[in-house]
PDB file of N, CA and C in Angstrom:
ATOM      1  N   UNK A   1      68.451 103.294  78.251  1.00  0.00           N
ATOM      2  CA  UNK A   1      69.668 103.776  78.897  1.00  0.00           C
ATOM      3  C   UNK A   1      70.700 103.917  77.773  1.00  0.00           C
ATOM      4  N   UNK A   2      71.488 104.980  77.850  1.00  0.00           N
ATOM      5  CA  UNK A   2      72.511 105.134  76.859  1.00  0.00           C
ATOM      6  C   UNK A   2      73.679 104.184  77.046  1.00  0.00           C
ATOM      7  N   UNK A   3      74.465 104.010  76.015  1.00  0.00           N
ATOM      8  CA  UNK A   3      75.572 103.061  76.083  1.00  0.00           C
ATOM      9  C   UNK A   3      76.664 103.606  77.045  1.00  0.00           C
ATOM     10  N   UNK A   4      76.862 104.891  77.047  1.00  0.00           N
ATOM     11  CA  UNK A   4      77.930 105.450  77.936  1.00  0.00           C
ATOM     12  C   UNK A   4      77.536 105.269  79.390  1.00  0.00           C
ATOM     13  N   UNK A   5      76.261 105.472  79.736  1.00  0.00           N
ATOM     14  CA  UNK A   5      75.798 105.306  81.096  1.00  0.00           C
ATOM     15  C   UNK A   5      75.903 103.835  81.489  1.00  0.00           C
ATOM     16  N   UNK A   6      75.579 102.921  80.597  1.00  0.00           N
ATOM     17  CA  UNK A   6      75.663 101.511  80.857  1.00  0.00           C
ATOM     18  C   UNK A   6      77.120 101.069  81.052  1.00  0.00           C
ATOM     19  N   UNK A   7      78.029 101.611  80.277  1.00  0.00           N
ATOM     20  CA  UNK A   7      79.461 101.274  80.411  1.00  0.00           C
ATOM     21  C   UNK A   7      79.978 101.801  81.740  1.00  0.00           C
ATOM     22  N   UNK A   8      79.614 103.018  82.105  1.00  0.00           N
ATOM     23  CA  UNK A   8      80.046 103.565  83.390  1.00  0.00           C
ATOM     24  C   UNK A   8      79.482 102.771  84.543  1.00  0.00           C
ATOM     25  N   UNK A   9      78.242 102.361  84.469  1.00  0.00           N
ATOM     26  CA  UNK A   9      77.611 101.561  85.519  1.00  0.00           C
ATOM     27  C   UNK A   9      78.353 100.275  85.722  1.00  0.00           C
ATOM     28  N   UNK A  10      78.654  99.572  84.593  1.00  0.00           N
ATOM     29  CA  UNK A  10      79.353  98.279  84.715  1.00  0.00           C
ATOM     30  C   UNK A  10      80.786  98.434  85.174  1.00  0.00           C
ATOM     31  N   UNK A  11      81.416  99.549  84.822  1.00  0.00           N
ATOM     32  CA  UNK A  11      82.765  99.805  85.301  1.00  0.00           C
ATOM     33  C   UNK A  11      82.752  99.981  86.795  1.00  0.00           C
ATOM     34  N   UNK A  12      81.784 100.731  87.345  1.00  0.00           N
ATOM     35  CA  UNK A  12      81.652 100.883  88.751  1.00  0.00           C
ATOM     36  C   UNK A  12      81.379  99.577  89.476  1.00  0.00           C
ATOM     37  N   UNK A  13      80.504  98.777  88.888  1.00  0.00           N
ATOM     38  CA  UNK A  13      80.134  97.494  89.487  1.00  0.00           C
ATOM     39  C   UNK A  13      81.353  96.542  89.502  1.00  0.00           C
ATOM     40  N   UNK A  14      82.132  96.511  88.422  1.00  0.00           N
ATOM     41  CA  UNK A  14      83.319  95.670  88.409  1.00  0.00           C
ATOM     42  C   UNK A  14      84.360  96.137  89.380  1.00  0.00           C
ATOM     43  N   UNK A  15      84.577  97.467  89.459  1.00  0.00           N
ATOM     44  CA  UNK A  15      85.537  97.996  90.406  1.00  0.00           C
ATOM     45  C   UNK A  15      85.131  97.690  91.796  1.00  0.00           C
ATOM     46  N   UNK A  16      83.862  97.856  92.151  1.00  0.00           N
ATOM     47  CA  UNK A  16      83.348  97.537  93.435  1.00  0.00           C
ATOM     48  C   UNK A  16      83.519  96.076  93.819  1.00  0.00           C
ATOM     49  N   UNK A  17      83.270  95.213  92.824  1.00  0.00           N
ATOM     50  CA  UNK A  17      83.457  93.773  93.046  1.00  0.00           C
ATOM     51  C   UNK A  17      84.906  93.407  93.268  1.00  0.00           C
ATOM     52  N   UNK A  18      85.812  94.110  92.513  1.00  0.00           N
ATOM     53  CA  UNK A  18      87.236  93.872  92.696  1.00  0.00           C
ATOM     54  C   UNK A  18      87.703  94.309  94.072  1.00  0.00           C
ATOM     55  N   UNK A  19      87.231  95.458  94.568  1.00  0.00           N
ATOM     56  CA  UNK A  19      87.621  95.913  95.900  1.00  0.00           C
ATOM     57  C   UNK A  19      87.059  94.906  96.952  1.00  0.00           C
ATOM     58  N   UNK A  20      85.899  94.382  96.769  1.00  0.00           N
ATOM     59  CA  UNK A  20      85.352  93.392  97.710  1.00  0.00           C
ATOM     60  C   UNK A  20      86.156  92.075  97.729  1.00  0.00           C
ATOM     61  N   UNK A  21      86.564  91.647  96.579  1.00  0.00           N
ATOM     62  CA  UNK A  21      87.393  90.452  96.473  1.00  0.00           C
ATOM     63  C   UNK A  21      88.767  90.670  97.143  1.00  0.00           C
ATOM     64  N   UNK A  22      89.382  91.780  96.830  1.00  0.00           N
ATOM     65  CA  UNK A  22      90.691  92.088  97.366  1.00  0.00           C
ATOM     66  C   UNK A  22      90.643  92.249  98.859  1.00  0.00           C
ATOM     67  N   UNK A  23      89.557  92.920  99.358  1.00  0.00           N
ATOM     68  CA  UNK A  23      89.397  93.039 100.825  1.00  0.00           C
ATOM     69  C   UNK A  23      89.126  91.728 101.516  1.00  0.00           C
ATOM     70  N   UNK A  24      88.393  90.835 100.825  1.00  0.00           N
ATOM     71  CA  UNK A  24      88.157  89.513 101.407  1.00  0.00           C
ATOM     72  C   UNK A  24      89.437  88.693 101.474  1.00  0.00           C
ATOM     73  N   UNK A  25      90.282  88.820 100.423  1.00  0.00           N
ATOM     74  CA  UNK A  25      91.583  88.105 100.474  1.00  0.00           C
ATOM     75  C   UNK A  25      92.450  88.717 101.600  1.00  0.00           C
ATOM     76  N   UNK A  26      92.313  89.990 101.784  1.00  0.00           N
ATOM     77  CA  UNK A  26      93.069  90.605 102.885  1.00  0.00           C
ATOM     78  C   UNK A  26      92.593  90.081 104.244  1.00  0.00           C
ATOM     79  N   UNK A  27      91.279  89.870 104.413  1.00  0.00           N
ATOM     80  CA  UNK A  27      90.787  89.329 105.670  1.00  0.00           C
ATOM     81  C   UNK A  27      91.303  87.914 105.914  1.00  0.00           C
ATOM     82  N   UNK A  28      91.490  87.197 104.872  1.00  0.00           N
ATOM     83  CA  UNK A  28      91.954  85.778 105.004  1.00  0.00           C
ATOM     84  C   UNK A  28      93.467  85.764 105.166  1.00  0.00           C
ATOM     85  N   UNK A  29      94.215  86.540 104.426  1.00  0.00           N
ATOM     86  CA  UNK A  29      95.653  86.436 104.420  1.00  0.00           C
ATOM     87  C   UNK A  29      96.357  87.198 105.511  1.00  0.00           C
ATOM     88  N   UNK A  30      95.841  88.347 105.997  1.00  0.00           N
ATOM     89  CA  UNK A  30      96.532  89.121 106.978  1.00  0.00           C
ATOM     90  C   UNK A  30      96.462  88.420 108.321  1.00  0.00           C
ATOM     91  N   UNK A  31      97.506  88.581 109.115  1.00  0.00           N
ATOM     92  CA  UNK A  31      97.667  87.761 110.331  1.00  0.00           C
ATOM     93  C   UNK A  31      97.202  88.478 111.577  1.00  0.00           C
ATOM     94  N   UNK A  32      97.417  89.783 111.681  1.00  0.00           N
ATOM     95  CA  UNK A  32      97.090  90.444 112.930  1.00  0.00           C
ATOM     96  C   UNK A  32      95.767  91.219 112.841  1.00  0.00           C
ATOM     97  N   UNK A  33      95.290  91.685 113.980  1.00  0.00           N
ATOM     98  CA  UNK A  33      93.940  92.269 114.078  1.00  0.00           C
ATOM     99  C   UNK A  33      93.784  93.567 113.329  1.00  0.00           C
ATOM    100  N   UNK A  34      94.747  94.465 113.518  1.00  0.00           N
ATOM    101  CA  UNK A  34      94.593  95.819 112.966  1.00  0.00           C
ATOM    102  C   UNK A  34      94.647  95.866 111.442  1.00  0.00           C
ATOM    103  N   UNK A  35      95.545  95.114 110.796  1.00  0.00           N
ATOM    104  CA  UNK A  35      95.463  95.071 109.327  1.00  0.00           C
ATOM    105  C   UNK A  35      94.134  94.432 108.792  1.00  0.00           C
ATOM    106  N   UNK A  36      93.625  93.498 109.569  1.00  0.00           N
ATOM    107  CA  UNK A  36      92.310  92.925 109.190  1.00  0.00           C
ATOM    108  C   UNK A  36      91.179  93.911 109.286  1.00  0.00           C
ATOM    109  N   UNK A  37      91.230  94.788 110.304  1.00  0.00           N
ATOM    110  CA  UNK A  37      90.228  95.793 110.379  1.00  0.00           C
ATOM    111  C   UNK A  37      90.327  96.763 109.196  1.00  0.00           C
ATOM    112  N   UNK A  38      91.581  97.029 108.759  1.00  0.00           N
ATOM    113  CA  UNK A  38      91.719  97.885 107.609  1.00  0.00           C
ATOM    114  C   UNK A  38      91.151  97.227 106.347  1.00  0.00           C
ATOM    115  N   UNK A  39      91.402  95.951 106.185  1.00  0.00           N
ATOM    116  CA  UNK A  39      90.825  95.208 105.043  1.00  0.00           C
ATOM    117  C   UNK A  39      89.273  95.242 105.046  1.00  0.00           C
ATOM    118  N   UNK A  40      88.760  95.081 106.241  1.00  0.00           N
ATOM    119  CA  UNK A  40      87.264  95.104 106.339  1.00  0.00           C
ATOM    120  C   UNK A  40      86.701  96.504 106.047  1.00  0.00           C
ATOM    121  N   UNK A  41      87.456  97.564 106.448  1.00  0.00           N
ATOM    122  CA  UNK A  41      86.928  98.879 106.159  1.00  0.00           C
ATOM    123  C   UNK A  41      87.060  99.208 104.692  1.00  0.00           C
ATOM    124  N   UNK A  42      88.054  98.626 103.972  1.00  0.00           N
ATOM    125  CA  UNK A  42      88.151  98.790 102.482  1.00  0.00           C
ATOM    126  C   UNK A  42      86.947  98.167 101.825  1.00  0.00           C
ATOM    127  N   UNK A  43      86.526  96.982 102.288  1.00  0.00           N
ATOM    128  CA  UNK A  43      85.342  96.332 101.736  1.00  0.00           C
ATOM    129  C   UNK A  43      84.118  97.245 101.907  1.00  0.00           C
ATOM    130  N   UNK A  44      83.947  97.800 103.121  1.00  0.00           N
ATOM    131  CA  UNK A  44      82.768  98.604 103.409  1.00  0.00           C
ATOM    132  C   UNK A  44      82.779  99.916 102.641  1.00  0.00           C
ATOM    133  N   UNK A  45      83.895 100.621 102.679  1.00  0.00           N
ATOM    134  CA  UNK A  45      83.870 101.944 102.086  1.00  0.00           C
ATOM    135  C   UNK A  45      84.018 101.910 100.584  1.00  0.00           C
ATOM    136  N   UNK A  46      85.041 101.354 100.078  1.00  0.00           N
ATOM    137  CA  UNK A  46      85.312 101.378  98.641  1.00  0.00           C
ATOM    138  C   UNK A  46      84.441 100.357  97.896  1.00  0.00           C
ATOM    139  N   UNK A  47      84.426  99.136  98.364  1.00  0.00           N
ATOM    140  CA  UNK A  47      83.672  98.122  97.649  1.00  0.00           C
ATOM    141  C   UNK A  47      82.186  98.391  97.578  1.00  0.00           C
ATOM    142  N   UNK A  48      81.644  98.552  98.753  1.00  0.00           N
ATOM    143  CA  UNK A  48      80.160  98.809  98.809  1.00  0.00           C
ATOM    144  C   UNK A  48      79.767 100.088  98.141  1.00  0.00           C
ATOM    145  N   UNK A  49      80.605 101.134  98.334  1.00  0.00           N
ATOM    146  CA  UNK A  49      80.329 102.474  97.747  1.00  0.00           C
ATOM    147  C   UNK A  49      80.294 102.390  96.228  1.00  0.00           C
ATOM    148  N   UNK A  50      81.266 101.738  95.628  1.00  0.00           N
ATOM    149  CA  UNK A  50      81.302 101.587  94.177  1.00  0.00           C
ATOM    150  C   UNK A  50      80.177 100.732  93.667  1.00  0.00           C
ATOM    151  N   UNK A  51      79.849  99.653  94.369  1.00  0.00           N
ATOM    152  CA  UNK A  51      78.750  98.840  93.947  1.00  0.00           C
ATOM    153  C   UNK A  51      77.433  99.638  94.016  1.00  0.00           C
ATOM    154  N   UNK A  52      77.230 100.382  95.071  1.00  0.00           N
ATOM    155  CA  UNK A  52      76.010 101.186  95.177  1.00  0.00           C
ATOM    156  C   UNK A  52      75.970 102.276  94.105  1.00  0.00           C
ATOM    157  N   UNK A  53      77.095 102.881  93.768  1.00  0.00           N
ATOM    158  CA  UNK A  53      77.120 103.854  92.699  1.00  0.00           C
ATOM    159  C   UNK A  53      76.741 103.242  91.359  1.00  0.00           C
ATOM    160  N   UNK A  54      77.264 102.049  91.101  1.00  0.00           N
ATOM    161  CA  UNK A  54      76.910 101.380  89.851  1.00  0.00           C
ATOM    162  C   UNK A  54      75.427 101.022  89.795  1.00  0.00           C
ATOM    163  N   UNK A  55      74.890 100.534  90.937  1.00  0.00           N
ATOM    164  CA  UNK A  55      73.487 100.205  90.969  1.00  0.00           C
ATOM    165  C   UNK A  55      72.614 101.471  90.843  1.00  0.00           C
ATOM    166  N   UNK A  56      73.118 102.568  91.399  1.00  0.00           N
ATOM    167  CA  UNK A  56      72.397 103.844  91.297  1.00  0.00           C
ATOM    168  C   UNK A  56      72.287 104.307  89.845  1.00  0.00           C
ATOM    169  N   UNK A  57      73.357 104.108  89.101  1.00  0.00           N
ATOM    170  CA  UNK A  57      73.288 104.476  87.688  1.00  0.00           C
ATOM    171  C   UNK A  57      72.349 103.518  86.934  1.00  0.00           C
ATOM    172  N   UNK A  58      72.276 102.288  87.333  1.00  0.00           N
ATOM    173  CA  UNK A  58      71.370 101.324  86.661  1.00  0.00           C
ATOM    174  C   UNK A  58      69.909 101.675  86.964  1.00  0.00           C
ATOM    175  N   UNK A  59      69.666 102.174  88.170  1.00  0.00           N
ATOM    176  CA  UNK A  59      68.282 102.388  88.622  1.00  0.00           C
ATOM    177  C   UNK A  59      67.630 103.607  87.954  1.00  0.00           C
ATOM    178  N   UNK A  60      68.436 104.608  87.605  1.00  0.00           N
ATOM    179  CA  UNK A  60      67.858 105.864  87.070  1.00  0.00           C
ATOM    180  C   UNK A  60      67.218 106.668  88.132  1.00  0.00           C
ATOM    181  N   UNK A  61      66.315 107.560  87.790  1.00  0.00           N
ATOM    182  CA  UNK A  61      65.659 108.474  88.722  1.00  0.00           C
ATOM    183  C   UNK A  61      64.335 107.834  89.220  1.00  0.00           C
ATOM    184  N   UNK A  62      64.480 106.887  90.169  1.00  0.00           N
ATOM    185  CA  UNK A  62      63.291 106.212  90.722  1.00  0.00           C
ATOM    186  C   UNK A  62      63.417 106.170  92.237  1.00  0.00           C
ATOM    187  N   UNK A  63      62.414 105.624  92.877  1.00  0.00           N
ATOM    188  CA  UNK A  63      62.409 105.444  94.304  1.00  0.00           C
ATOM    189  C   UNK A  63      63.583 104.481  94.725  1.00  0.00           C
ATOM    190  N   UNK A  64      63.908 103.559  93.888  1.00  0.00           N
ATOM    191  CA  UNK A  64      64.996 102.654  94.184  1.00  0.00           C
ATOM    192  C   UNK A  64      66.313 103.410  94.341  1.00  0.00           C
ATOM    193  N   UNK A  65      66.524 104.428  93.485  1.00  0.00           N
ATOM    194  CA  UNK A  65      67.759 105.196  93.596  1.00  0.00           C
ATOM    195  C   UNK A  65      67.819 106.008  94.902  1.00  0.00           C
ATOM    196  N   UNK A  66      66.669 106.451  95.374  1.00  0.00           N
ATOM    197  CA  UNK A  66      66.659 107.151  96.680  1.00  0.00           C
ATOM    198  C   UNK A  66      67.013 106.154  97.790  1.00  0.00           C
ATOM    199  N   UNK A  67      66.466 104.967  97.738  1.00  0.00           N
ATOM    200  CA  UNK A  67      66.801 103.974  98.733  1.00  0.00           C
ATOM    201  C   UNK A  67      68.260 103.561  98.691  1.00  0.00           C
ATOM    202  N   UNK A  68      68.847 103.434  97.472  1.00  0.00           N
ATOM    203  CA  UNK A  68      70.265 103.180  97.363  1.00  0.00           C
ATOM    204  C   UNK A  68      71.114 104.305  97.924  1.00  0.00           C
ATOM    205  N   UNK A  69      70.715 105.525  97.707  1.00  0.00           N
ATOM    206  CA  UNK A  69      71.422 106.684  98.245  1.00  0.00           C
ATOM    207  C   UNK A  69      71.405 106.692  99.781  1.00  0.00           C
ATOM    208  N   UNK A  70      70.249 106.385 100.334  1.00  0.00           N
ATOM    209  CA  UNK A  70      70.157 106.311 101.794  1.00  0.00           C
ATOM    210  C   UNK A  70      71.019 105.142 102.375  1.00  0.00           C
ATOM    211  N   UNK A  71      71.054 104.053 101.714  1.00  0.00           N
ATOM    212  CA  UNK A  71      71.935 102.980 102.161  1.00  0.00           C
ATOM    213  C   UNK A  71      73.401 103.407 102.026  1.00  0.00           C
ATOM    214  N   UNK A  72      73.732 104.116 100.965  1.00  0.00           N
ATOM    215  CA  UNK A  72      75.110 104.565 100.805  1.00  0.00           C
ATOM    216  C   UNK A  72      75.478 105.561 101.848  1.00  0.00           C
ATOM    217  N   UNK A  73      74.591 106.436 102.211  1.00  0.00           N
ATOM    218  CA  UNK A  73      74.922 107.394 103.309  1.00  0.00           C
ATOM    219  C   UNK A  73      75.051 106.682 104.648  1.00  0.00           C
ATOM    220  N   UNK A  74      74.215 105.714 104.854  1.00  0.00           N
ATOM    221  CA  UNK A  74      74.323 104.934 106.144  1.00  0.00           C
ATOM    222  C   UNK A  74      75.726 104.232 106.182  1.00  0.00           C
ATOM    223  N   UNK A  75      76.089 103.627 105.092  1.00  0.00           N
ATOM    224  CA  UNK A  75      77.419 102.949 105.064  1.00  0.00           C
ATOM    225  C   UNK A  75      78.523 103.949 105.214  1.00  0.00           C
ATOM    226  N   UNK A  76      78.379 105.127 104.536  1.00  0.00           N
ATOM    227  CA  UNK A  76      79.454 106.157 104.564  1.00  0.00           C
ATOM    228  C   UNK A  76      79.712 106.672 105.975  1.00  0.00           C
ATOM    229  N   UNK A  77      78.657 106.830 106.762  1.00  0.00           N
ATOM    230  CA  UNK A  77      78.855 107.342 108.142  1.00  0.00           C
ATOM    231  C   UNK A  77      79.035 106.246 109.203  1.00  0.00           C
ATOM    232  N   UNK A  78      78.373 105.119 109.043  1.00  0.00           N
ATOM    233  CA  UNK A  78      78.420 104.077 110.091  1.00  0.00           C
ATOM    234  C   UNK A  78      79.659 103.214 110.015  1.00  0.00           C
ATOM    235  N   UNK A  79      80.130 102.916 108.843  1.00  0.00           N
ATOM    236  CA  UNK A  79      81.276 101.990 108.698  1.00  0.00           C
ATOM    237  C   UNK A  79      82.545 102.512 109.287  1.00  0.00           C
ATOM    238  N   UNK A  80      82.984 103.735 108.979  1.00  0.00           N
ATOM    239  CA  UNK A  80      84.241 104.232 109.640  1.00  0.00           C
ATOM    240  C   UNK A  80      84.054 104.377 111.146  1.00  0.00           C
ATOM    241  N   UNK A  81      82.891 104.750 111.612  1.00  0.00           N
ATOM    242  CA  UNK A  81      82.679 104.907 113.042  1.00  0.00           C
ATOM    243  C   UNK A  81      82.747 103.557 113.743  1.00  0.00           C
ATOM    244  N   UNK A  82      82.138 102.509 113.180  1.00  0.00           N
ATOM    245  CA  UNK A  82      82.204 101.185 113.758  1.00  0.00           C
ATOM    246  C   UNK A  82      83.662 100.632 113.699  1.00  0.00           C
ATOM    247  N   UNK A  83      84.381 100.872 112.612  1.00  0.00           N
ATOM    248  CA  UNK A  83      85.711 100.383 112.547  1.00  0.00           C
ATOM    249  C   UNK A  83      86.623 101.066 113.564  1.00  0.00           C
ATOM    250  N   UNK A  84      86.435 102.376 113.703  1.00  0.00           N
ATOM    251  CA  UNK A  84      87.214 103.119 114.722  1.00  0.00           C
ATOM    252  C   UNK A  84      86.893 102.640 116.127  1.00  0.00           C
ATOM    253  N   UNK A  85      85.622 102.403 116.425  1.00  0.00           N
ATOM    254  CA  UNK A  85      85.239 101.914 117.775  1.00  0.00           C
ATOM    255  C   UNK A  85      85.788 100.550 118.028  1.00  0.00           C
ATOM    256  N   UNK A  86      85.814  99.663 117.029  1.00  0.00           N
ATOM    257  CA  UNK A  86      86.353  98.342 117.169  1.00  0.00           C
ATOM    258  C   UNK A  86      87.881  98.336 117.425  1.00  0.00           C
ATOM    259  N   UNK A  87      88.571  99.166 116.649  1.00  0.00           N
ATOM    260  CA  UNK A  87      90.032  99.286 116.795  1.00  0.00           C
ATOM    261  C   UNK A  87      90.375  99.947 118.150  1.00  0.00           C
ATOM    262  N   UNK A  88      89.621 100.933 118.554  1.00  0.00           N
ATOM    263  CA  UNK A  88      89.861 101.592 119.815  1.00  0.00           C
ATOM    264  C   UNK A  88      89.632 100.644 120.985  1.00  0.00           C
ATOM    265  N   UNK A  89      88.570  99.814 120.916  1.00  0.00           N
ATOM    266  CA  UNK A  89      88.314  98.852 121.974  1.00  0.00           C
ATOM    267  C   UNK A  89      89.403  97.794 121.994  1.00  0.00           C
ATOM    268  N   UNK A  90      89.927  97.389 120.847  1.00  0.00           N
ATOM    269  CA  UNK A  90      91.027  96.402 120.877  1.00  0.00           C
ATOM    270  C   UNK A  90      92.264  97.016 121.435  1.00  0.00           C
ATOM    271  N   UNK A  91      92.543  98.255 121.121  1.00  0.00           N
ATOM    272  CA  UNK A  91      93.744  98.920 121.715  1.00  0.00           C
ATOM    273  C   UNK A  91      93.590  99.043 123.216  1.00  0.00           C
ATOM    274  N   UNK A  92      92.446  99.369 123.721  1.00  0.00           N
ATOM    275  CA  UNK A  92      92.206  99.488 125.131  1.00  0.00           C
ATOM    276  C   UNK A  92      92.304  98.127 125.845  1.00  0.00           C
ATOM    277  N   UNK A  93      91.965  97.072 125.126  1.00  0.00           N
ATOM    278  CA  UNK A  93      92.063  95.722 125.684  1.00  0.00           C
ATOM    279  C   UNK A  93      93.470  95.210 125.720  1.00  0.00           C
ATOM    280  N   UNK A  94      94.384  95.831 125.021  1.00  0.00           N
ATOM    281  CA  UNK A  94      95.754  95.432 125.007  1.00  0.00           C
ATOM    282  C   UNK A  94      96.208  94.619 123.795  1.00  0.00           C
ATOM    283  N   UNK A  95      95.461  94.659 122.698  1.00  0.00           N
ATOM    284  CA  UNK A  95      95.879  93.923 121.549  1.00  0.00           C
ATOM    285  C   UNK A  95      97.082  94.656 120.957  1.00  0.00           C
ATOM    286  N   UNK A  96      98.115  93.904 120.703  1.00  0.00           N
ATOM    287  CA  UNK A  96      99.389  94.468 120.221  1.00  0.00           C
ATOM    288  C   UNK A  96      99.241  94.978 118.756  1.00  0.00           C
ATOM    289  N   UNK A  97      99.940  95.989 118.437  1.00  0.00           N
ATOM    290  CA  UNK A  97      99.902  96.552 117.094  1.00  0.00           C
ATOM    291  C   UNK A  97     100.673  95.678 116.088  1.00  0.00           C
ATOM    292  N   UNK A  98     101.663  94.982 116.567  1.00  0.00           N
ATOM    293  CA  UNK A  98     102.526  94.237 115.684  1.00  0.00           C
ATOM    294  C   UNK A  98     102.015  92.850 115.330  1.00  0.00           C
ATOM    295  N   UNK A  99     101.719  92.071 116.344  1.00  0.00           N
ATOM    296  CA  UNK A  99     101.366  90.717 116.026  1.00  0.00           C
ATOM    297  C   UNK A  99      99.914  90.303 116.360  1.00  0.00           C
ATOM    298  N   UNK A 100      99.227  91.114 117.098  1.00  0.00           N
ATOM    299  CA  UNK A 100      97.814  90.831 117.406  1.00  0.00           C
ATOM    300  C   UNK A 100      97.606  89.710 118.368  1.00  0.00           C
ATOM    301  N   UNK A 101      98.579  89.310 119.195  1.00  0.00           N
ATOM    302  CA  UNK A 101      98.433  88.166 120.079  1.00  0.00           C
ATOM    303  C   UNK A 101      97.933  88.579 121.438  1.00  0.00           C
ATOM    304  N   UNK A 102      97.619  89.833 121.641  1.00  0.00           N
ATOM    305  CA  UNK A 102      96.982  90.281 122.892  1.00  0.00           C
ATOM    306  C   UNK A 102      98.010  90.698 123.947  1.00  0.00           C
ATOM    307  N   UNK A 103      99.224  91.006 123.566  1.00  0.00           N
ATOM    308  CA  UNK A 103     100.157  91.521 124.516  1.00  0.00           C
ATOM    309  C   UNK A 103      99.888  92.940 124.877  1.00  0.00           C
ATOM    310  N   UNK A 104      99.799  93.232 126.169  1.00  0.00           N
ATOM    311  CA  UNK A 104      99.429  94.550 126.637  1.00  0.00           C
ATOM    312  C   UNK A 104     100.586  95.544 126.372  1.00  0.00           C
ATOM    313  N   UNK A 105     100.273  96.695 125.771  1.00  0.00           N
ATOM    314  CA  UNK A 105     101.309  97.713 125.607  1.00  0.00           C
ATOM    315  C   UNK A 105     101.699  98.327 126.911  1.00  0.00           C
ATOM    316  N   UNK A 106     102.895  98.889 126.980  1.00  0.00           N
ATOM    317  CA  UNK A 106     103.380  99.486 128.232  1.00  0.00           C
ATOM    318  C   UNK A 106     102.593 100.774 128.459  1.00  0.00           C
ATOM    319  N   UNK A 107     102.140 100.930 129.711  1.00  0.00           N
ATOM    320  CA  UNK A 107     101.431 102.127 130.156  1.00  0.00           C
ATOM    321  C   UNK A 107     102.432 103.183 130.605  1.00  0.00           C
ATOM    322  N   UNK A 108     102.232 104.414 130.183  1.00  0.00           N
ATOM    323  CA  UNK A 108     103.092 105.508 130.603  1.00  0.00           C
ATOM    324  C   UNK A 108     102.421 106.407 131.573  1.00  0.00           C
TER     325      UNK A 108
END
Protein backbone atom coordinates (compact mmCIF):
# COMPACT_ATOMS: atom_id res chain seq x y z
CA UNK A 1 0.00 0.00 0.00
CA UNK A 2 1.35 3.43 -0.87
CA UNK A 3 2.15 5.95 1.81
CA UNK A 4 -0.43 8.46 0.54
CA UNK A 5 -3.20 5.86 0.66
CA UNK A 6 -2.13 4.84 4.16
CA UNK A 7 -2.12 8.46 5.36
CA UNK A 8 -5.57 9.09 3.83
CA UNK A 9 -6.91 5.94 5.45
CA UNK A 10 -5.61 6.88 8.88
CA UNK A 11 -6.93 10.44 8.50
CA UNK A 12 -10.41 9.06 7.78
CA UNK A 13 -10.18 6.64 10.70
CA UNK A 14 -9.10 9.39 13.10
CA UNK A 15 -11.81 11.77 11.88
CA UNK A 16 -14.44 9.05 12.24
CA UNK A 17 -13.23 8.27 15.74
CA UNK A 18 -13.35 11.96 16.63
CA UNK A 19 -16.94 12.24 15.38
CA UNK A 20 -17.90 9.18 17.44
CA UNK A 21 -16.32 10.61 20.60
CA UNK A 22 -17.92 14.03 20.09
CA UNK A 23 -21.31 12.43 19.44
CA UNK A 24 -20.98 10.25 22.53
CA UNK A 25 -20.18 13.33 24.62
CA UNK A 26 -23.26 14.97 23.12
CA UNK A 27 -25.38 12.02 24.19
CA UNK A 28 -24.12 12.36 27.74
CA UNK A 29 -24.13 16.16 28.04
CA UNK A 30 -27.30 17.20 26.19
CA UNK A 31 -30.39 17.37 28.35
CA UNK A 32 -33.43 17.04 26.14
CA UNK A 33 -34.55 14.32 23.77
CA UNK A 34 -34.30 15.98 20.37
CA UNK A 35 -30.70 17.23 20.68
CA UNK A 36 -29.75 13.75 21.85
CA UNK A 37 -31.27 12.23 18.72
CA UNK A 38 -29.19 14.69 16.69
CA UNK A 39 -26.02 13.60 18.50
CA UNK A 40 -26.87 9.96 17.87
CA UNK A 41 -27.44 10.61 14.18
CA UNK A 42 -24.04 12.35 13.95
CA UNK A 43 -22.43 9.22 15.35
CA UNK A 44 -24.24 7.05 12.82
CA UNK A 45 -23.80 9.13 9.71
CA UNK A 46 -20.50 10.96 10.06
CA UNK A 47 -18.64 8.76 12.52
CA UNK A 48 -19.48 5.37 11.10
CA UNK A 49 -19.27 6.62 7.52
CA UNK A 50 -15.75 7.97 7.94
CA UNK A 51 -14.64 4.85 9.82
CA UNK A 52 -16.00 2.63 7.07
CA UNK A 53 -14.32 4.77 4.40
CA UNK A 54 -10.99 4.44 6.20
CA UNK A 55 -11.40 0.69 6.54
CA UNK A 56 -12.39 0.51 2.88
CA UNK A 57 -9.10 2.14 1.89
CA UNK A 58 -7.22 -0.29 4.13
CA UNK A 59 -8.97 -3.32 2.63
CA UNK A 60 -8.17 -2.61 -1.01
CA UNK A 61 -10.09 -4.35 -3.81
CA UNK A 62 -11.24 -7.47 -1.97
CA UNK A 63 -14.45 -9.11 -0.86
CA UNK A 64 -14.04 -7.34 2.47
CA UNK A 65 -14.35 -3.97 0.70
CA UNK A 66 -17.61 -5.09 -0.90
CA UNK A 67 -18.95 -6.08 2.52
CA UNK A 68 -17.87 -2.74 3.99
CA UNK A 69 -19.60 -0.90 1.14
CA UNK A 70 -22.83 -2.83 1.76
CA UNK A 71 -22.65 -2.02 5.47
CA UNK A 72 -22.05 1.63 4.60
CA UNK A 73 -25.08 1.72 2.30
CA UNK A 74 -27.22 0.10 4.97
CA UNK A 75 -26.15 2.71 7.52
CA UNK A 76 -26.56 5.51 4.97
CA UNK A 77 -30.21 4.63 4.30
CA UNK A 78 -31.38 3.09 7.59
CA UNK A 79 -29.92 5.50 10.12
CA UNK A 80 -31.64 8.73 8.99
CA UNK A 81 -34.89 6.83 8.52
CA UNK A 82 -34.75 5.37 12.03
CA UNK A 83 -33.81 8.74 13.55
CA UNK A 84 -36.69 10.45 11.76
CA UNK A 85 -39.15 7.76 12.86
CA UNK A 86 -37.96 8.03 16.47
CA UNK A 87 -38.23 11.84 16.51
CA UNK A 88 -41.64 11.73 14.82
CA UNK A 89 -42.93 9.21 17.36
CA UNK A 90 -41.64 11.36 20.21
CA UNK A 91 -43.33 14.43 18.74
CA UNK A 92 -46.60 12.53 18.39
CA UNK A 93 -46.33 11.35 22.01
CA UNK A 94 -46.04 14.94 23.16
CA UNK A 95 -42.35 15.28 24.01
CA UNK A 96 -41.59 18.99 24.25
CA UNK A 97 -39.06 20.50 21.87
CA UNK A 98 -37.54 22.71 24.54
CA UNK A 99 -36.98 20.65 27.65
CA UNK A 100 -37.91 17.07 26.76
CA UNK A 101 -40.01 16.54 29.91
CA UNK A 102 -43.01 15.22 28.04
CA UNK A 103 -45.26 18.26 28.03
CA UNK A 104 -47.85 17.95 25.30
CA UNK A 105 -47.74 20.69 22.66
CA UNK A 106 -50.92 22.64 22.00
CA UNK A 107 -53.14 21.11 19.31
CA UNK A 108 -54.49 23.47 16.67
